[in-house]
Amino acid sequence: MIDTPCTGTLNHLSLPTKDPAATARFFQQHFGCEIVAAGEHILLKRDGFDIVLDRIDDAPGWPVNFHFGFEMASLREVQALHRAFREAGVHMETEVFNNSRGSRFFCRTPEGVMIEVNTREDKQESWQHLF
């Protein structure tokens, strides 16, 4: 460990995309993000966190398991969102499942970035001290 590690708050995620407008609409419609600046690159905001959509010419190649996550308060919310996403035609990777850290499902953006939606409400006791 270094003597002076970064103590800053994680504040943004930058995603390369061939179609920033379509990707922005996806995050706006399905994750409640607000589009605050649009052009060749688009800035989205949600709960004090920014998602920057950087326009690129070639489709990005994502490692199969690369993903980021959104945490919901309850299993009921996760299940309802899974149903709503499926009905809206979102590319779903999984059903809702529990892996001992809580319940979750995985879906993908239009360009294939995987997103996890989870809850820790129903995590097993062995995980209680970590979350």
C-alpha atoms as a PDB file:
ATOM      1  CA  MET A   1       0.000   0.000   0.000  1.00  0.00           C
ATOM      2  CA  ILE A   2       1.206   3.503  -0.766  1.00  0.00           C
ATOM      3  CA  ASP A   3       1.591   6.143   1.929  1.00  0.00           C
ATOM      4  CA  THR A   4      -1.116   8.408   0.506  1.00  0.00           C
ATOM      5  CA  PRO A   5      -3.931   6.408  -1.113  1.00  0.00           C
ATOM      6  CA  CYS A   6      -6.725   8.173  -2.985  1.00  0.00           C
ATOM      7  CA  THR A   7      -9.492   9.110  -0.550  1.00  0.00           C
ATOM      8  CA  GLY A   8     -11.769  10.708  -3.136  1.00  0.00           C
ATOM      9  CA  THR A   9     -15.316   9.611  -3.848  1.00  0.00           C
ATOM     10  CA  LEU A  10     -16.040   7.541  -6.932  1.00  0.00           C
ATOM     11  CA  ASN A  11     -17.904  10.062  -9.099  1.00  0.00           C
ATOM     12  CA  HIS A  12     -18.240   8.841 -12.684  1.00  0.00           C
ATOM     13  CA  LEU A  13     -18.109   6.032 -15.199  1.00  0.00           C
ATOM     14  CA  SER A  14     -17.075   6.660 -18.795  1.00  0.00           C
ATOM     15  CA  LEU A  15     -18.515   4.303 -21.401  1.00  0.00           C
ATOM     16  CA  PRO A  16     -17.443   4.300 -25.044  1.00  0.00           C
ATOM     17  CA  THR A  17     -20.360   3.893 -27.445  1.00  0.00           C
ATOM     18  CA  LYS A  18     -21.060   4.085 -31.178  1.00  0.00           C
ATOM     19  CA  ASP A  19     -24.489   5.558 -30.457  1.00  0.00           C
ATOM     20  CA  PRO A  20     -24.446   7.903 -27.448  1.00  0.00           C
ATOM     21  CA  ALA A  21     -28.034   9.069 -28.066  1.00  0.00           C
ATOM     22  CA  ALA A  22     -29.503   5.542 -27.988  1.00  0.00           C
ATOM     23  CA  THR A  23     -27.399   4.595 -24.964  1.00  0.00           C
ATOM     24  CA  ALA A  24     -28.468   7.796 -23.164  1.00  0.00           C
ATOM     25  CA  ARG A  25     -32.147   7.026 -23.848  1.00  0.00           C
ATOM     26  CA  PHE A  26     -31.618   3.514 -22.427  1.00  0.00           C
ATOM     27  CA  PHE A  27     -30.172   4.885 -19.172  1.00  0.00           C
ATOM     28  CA  GLN A  28     -32.804   7.612 -19.016  1.00  0.00           C
ATOM     29  CA  GLN A  29     -35.735   5.237 -19.574  1.00  0.00           C
ATOM     30  CA  HIS A  30     -34.603   2.250 -17.534  1.00  0.00           C
ATOM     31  CA  PHE A  31     -32.373   3.713 -14.813  1.00  0.00           C
ATOM     32  CA  GLY A  32     -33.785   7.213 -14.268  1.00  0.00           C
ATOM     33  CA  CYS A  33     -30.665   9.063 -15.421  1.00  0.00           C
ATOM     34  CA  GLU A  34     -30.966  12.710 -16.403  1.00  0.00           C
ATOM     35  CA  ILE A  35     -29.306  13.900 -19.608  1.00  0.00           C
ATOM     36  CA  VAL A  36     -27.552  17.137 -18.616  1.00  0.00           C
ATOM     37  CA  ALA A  37     -25.305  17.720 -21.636  1.00  0.00           C
ATOM     38  CA  ALA A  38     -25.608  16.305 -25.128  1.00  0.00           C
ATOM     39  CA  GLY A  39     -23.488  16.473 -28.249  1.00  0.00           C
ATOM     40  CA  GLU A  40     -20.851  14.119 -29.565  1.00  0.00           C
ATOM     41  CA  HIS A  41     -20.458  13.019 -25.946  1.00  0.00           C
ATOM     42  CA  ILE A  42     -23.333  12.869 -23.464  1.00  0.00           C
ATOM     43  CA  LEU A  43     -23.298  13.462 -19.713  1.00  0.00           C
ATOM     44  CA  LEU A  44     -25.878  11.667 -17.572  1.00  0.00           C
ATOM     45  CA  LYS A  45     -26.466  12.258 -13.862  1.00  0.00           C
ATOM     46  CA  ARG A  46     -28.101  10.073 -11.248  1.00  0.00           C
ATOM     47  CA  ASP A  47     -27.848  10.311  -7.454  1.00  0.00           C
ATOM     48  CA  GLY A  48     -24.630  12.350  -7.515  1.00  0.00           C
ATOM     49  CA  PHE A  49     -22.932   9.968  -9.946  1.00  0.00           C
ATOM     50  CA  ASP A  50     -22.125  10.761 -13.576  1.00  0.00           C
ATOM     51  CA  ILE A  51     -22.143   8.466 -16.590  1.00  0.00           C
ATOM     52  CA  VAL A  52     -20.188   9.893 -19.506  1.00  0.00           C
ATOM     53  CA  LEU A  53     -21.014   8.416 -22.906  1.00  0.00           C
ATOM     54  CA  ASP A  54     -18.030   8.893 -25.202  1.00  0.00           C
ATOM     55  CA  ARG A  55     -18.744   8.548 -28.915  1.00  0.00           C
ATOM     56  CA  ILE A  56     -16.374   6.206 -30.761  1.00  0.00           C
ATOM     57  CA  ASP A  57     -16.352   4.957 -34.348  1.00  0.00           C
ATOM     58  CA  ASP A  58     -15.958   1.231 -33.695  1.00  0.00           C
ATOM     59  CA  ALA A  59     -18.139  -0.909 -31.443  1.00  0.00           C
ATOM     60  CA  PRO A  60     -16.413  -1.369 -28.096  1.00  0.00           C
ATOM     61  CA  GLY A  61     -15.302  -4.886 -27.184  1.00  0.00           C
ATOM     62  CA  TRP A  62     -16.368  -5.680 -23.640  1.00  0.00           C
ATOM     63  CA  PRO A  63     -14.955  -8.608 -21.653  1.00  0.00           C
ATOM     64  CA  VAL A  64     -17.788 -11.087 -21.081  1.00  0.00           C
ATOM     65  CA  ASN A  65     -18.050 -10.515 -17.325  1.00  0.00           C
ATOM     66  CA  PHE A  66     -17.396  -6.759 -17.258  1.00  0.00           C
ATOM     67  CA  HIS A  67     -20.320  -5.062 -15.521  1.00  0.00           C
ATOM     68  CA  PHE A  68     -21.398  -2.439 -13.049  1.00  0.00           C
ATOM     69  CA  GLY A  69     -24.326  -2.509 -10.668  1.00  0.00           C
ATOM     70  CA  PHE A  70     -27.311  -0.708  -9.226  1.00  0.00           C
ATOM     71  CA  GLU A  71     -28.544  -1.667  -5.763  1.00  0.00           C
ATOM     72  CA  MET A  72     -32.244  -1.700  -4.889  1.00  0.00           C
ATOM     73  CA  ALA A  73     -33.685  -1.660  -1.367  1.00  0.00           C
ATOM     74  CA  SER A  74     -35.764  -4.828  -1.615  1.00  0.00           C
ATOM     75  CA  LEU A  75     -36.220  -8.129  -3.399  1.00  0.00           C
ATOM     76  CA  ARG A  76     -39.710  -7.025  -4.407  1.00  0.00           C
ATOM     77  CA  GLU A  77     -38.233  -3.998  -6.209  1.00  0.00           C
ATOM     78  CA  VAL A  78     -35.661  -6.171  -7.996  1.00  0.00           C
ATOM     79  CA  GLN A  79     -38.360  -8.603  -9.130  1.00  0.00           C
ATOM     80  CA  ALA A  80     -40.647  -5.787 -10.325  1.00  0.00           C
ATOM     81  CA  LEU A  81     -37.822  -4.134 -12.255  1.00  0.00           C
ATOM     82  CA  HIS A  82     -36.883  -7.459 -13.853  1.00  0.00           C
ATOM     83  CA  ARG A  83     -40.480  -7.859 -15.072  1.00  0.00           C
ATOM     84  CA  ALA A  84     -40.619  -4.269 -16.340  1.00  0.00           C
ATOM     85  CA  PHE A  85     -37.304  -4.606 -18.191  1.00  0.00           C
ATOM     86  CA  ARG A  86     -38.381  -7.881 -19.796  1.00  0.00           C
ATOM     87  CA  GLU A  87     -41.682  -6.326 -20.905  1.00  0.00           C
ATOM     88  CA  ALA A  88     -39.801  -3.312 -22.315  1.00  0.00           C
ATOM     89  CA  GLY A  89     -37.563  -5.561 -24.400  1.00  0.00           C
ATOM     90  CA  VAL A  90     -34.326  -5.043 -22.467  1.00  0.00           C
ATOM     91  CA  HIS A  91     -31.779  -7.782 -23.250  1.00  0.00           C
ATOM     92  CA  MET A  92     -31.919  -9.944 -20.114  1.00  0.00           C
ATOM     93  CA  GLU A  93     -28.964 -12.162 -19.244  1.00  0.00           C
ATOM     94  CA  THR A  94     -30.497 -13.918 -16.231  1.00  0.00           C
ATOM     95  CA  GLU A  95     -33.612 -14.384 -14.189  1.00  0.00           C
ATOM     96  CA  VAL A  96     -33.594 -13.085 -10.603  1.00  0.00           C
ATOM     97  CA  PHE A  97     -31.381 -15.352  -8.477  1.00  0.00           C
ATOM     98  CA  ASN A  98     -29.777 -15.356  -5.036  1.00  0.00           C
ATOM     99  CA  ASN A  99     -26.050 -16.042  -4.684  1.00  0.00           C
ATOM    100  CA  SER A 100     -25.882 -15.744  -0.869  1.00  0.00           C
ATOM    101  CA  ARG A 101     -24.880 -12.023  -1.036  1.00  0.00           C
ATOM    102  CA  GLY A 102     -28.461 -11.193  -2.002  1.00  0.00           C
ATOM    103  CA  SER A 103     -30.717 -11.421  -5.024  1.00  0.00           C
ATOM    104  CA  ARG A 104     -29.852 -10.015  -8.438  1.00  0.00           C
ATOM    105  CA  PHE A 105     -30.270 -10.175 -12.167  1.00  0.00           C
ATOM    106  CA  PHE A 106     -28.123  -9.165 -15.106  1.00  0.00           C
ATOM    107  CA  CYS A 107     -29.157  -7.328 -18.270  1.00  0.00           C
ATOM    108  CA  ARG A 108     -27.319  -5.539 -21.093  1.00  0.00           C
ATOM    109  CA  THR A 109     -27.341  -2.109 -22.692  1.00  0.00           C
ATOM    110  CA  PRO A 110     -28.130  -1.946 -26.418  1.00  0.00           C
ATOM    111  CA  GLU A 111     -24.390  -2.215 -27.169  1.00  0.00           C
ATOM    112  CA  GLY A 112     -23.792  -5.105 -24.797  1.00  0.00           C
ATOM    113  CA  VAL A 113     -22.475  -3.636 -21.535  1.00  0.00           C
ATOM    114  CA  MET A 114     -23.677  -5.874 -18.707  1.00  0.00           C
ATOM    115  CA  ILE A 115     -25.497  -4.293 -15.758  1.00  0.00           C
ATOM    116  CA  GLU A 116     -26.300  -5.967 -12.452  1.00  0.00           C
ATOM    117  CA  VAL A 117     -29.386  -4.965 -10.459  1.00  0.00           C
ATOM    118  CA  ASN A 118     -29.280  -6.340  -6.936  1.00  0.00           C
ATOM    119  CA  THR A 119     -30.528  -6.130  -3.393  1.00  0.00           C
ATOM    120  CA  ARG A 120     -28.781  -7.145  -0.208  1.00  0.00           C
ATOM    121  CA  GLU A 121     -32.072  -7.353   1.677  1.00  0.00           C
ATOM    122  CA  ASP A 122     -32.025 -11.166   1.539  1.00  0.00           C
ATOM    123  CA  LYS A 123     -28.302 -11.836   1.923  1.00  0.00           C
ATOM    124  CA  GLN A 124     -27.283 -14.832   3.996  1.00  0.00           C
ATOM    125  CA  GLU A 125     -26.125 -14.305   7.546  1.00  0.00           C
ATOM    126  CA  SER A 126     -22.483 -15.079   6.684  1.00  0.00           C
ATOM    127  CA  TRP A 127     -22.428 -11.846   4.601  1.00  0.00           C
ATOM    128  CA  GLN A 128     -24.056  -9.616   7.257  1.00  0.00           C
ATOM    129  CA  HIS A 129     -20.769  -8.214   8.560  1.00  0.00           C
ATOM    130  CA  LEU A 130     -19.570  -7.164   5.079  1.00  0.00           C
ATOM    131  CA  PHE A 131     -22.534  -5.077   3.916  1.00  0.00           C
END
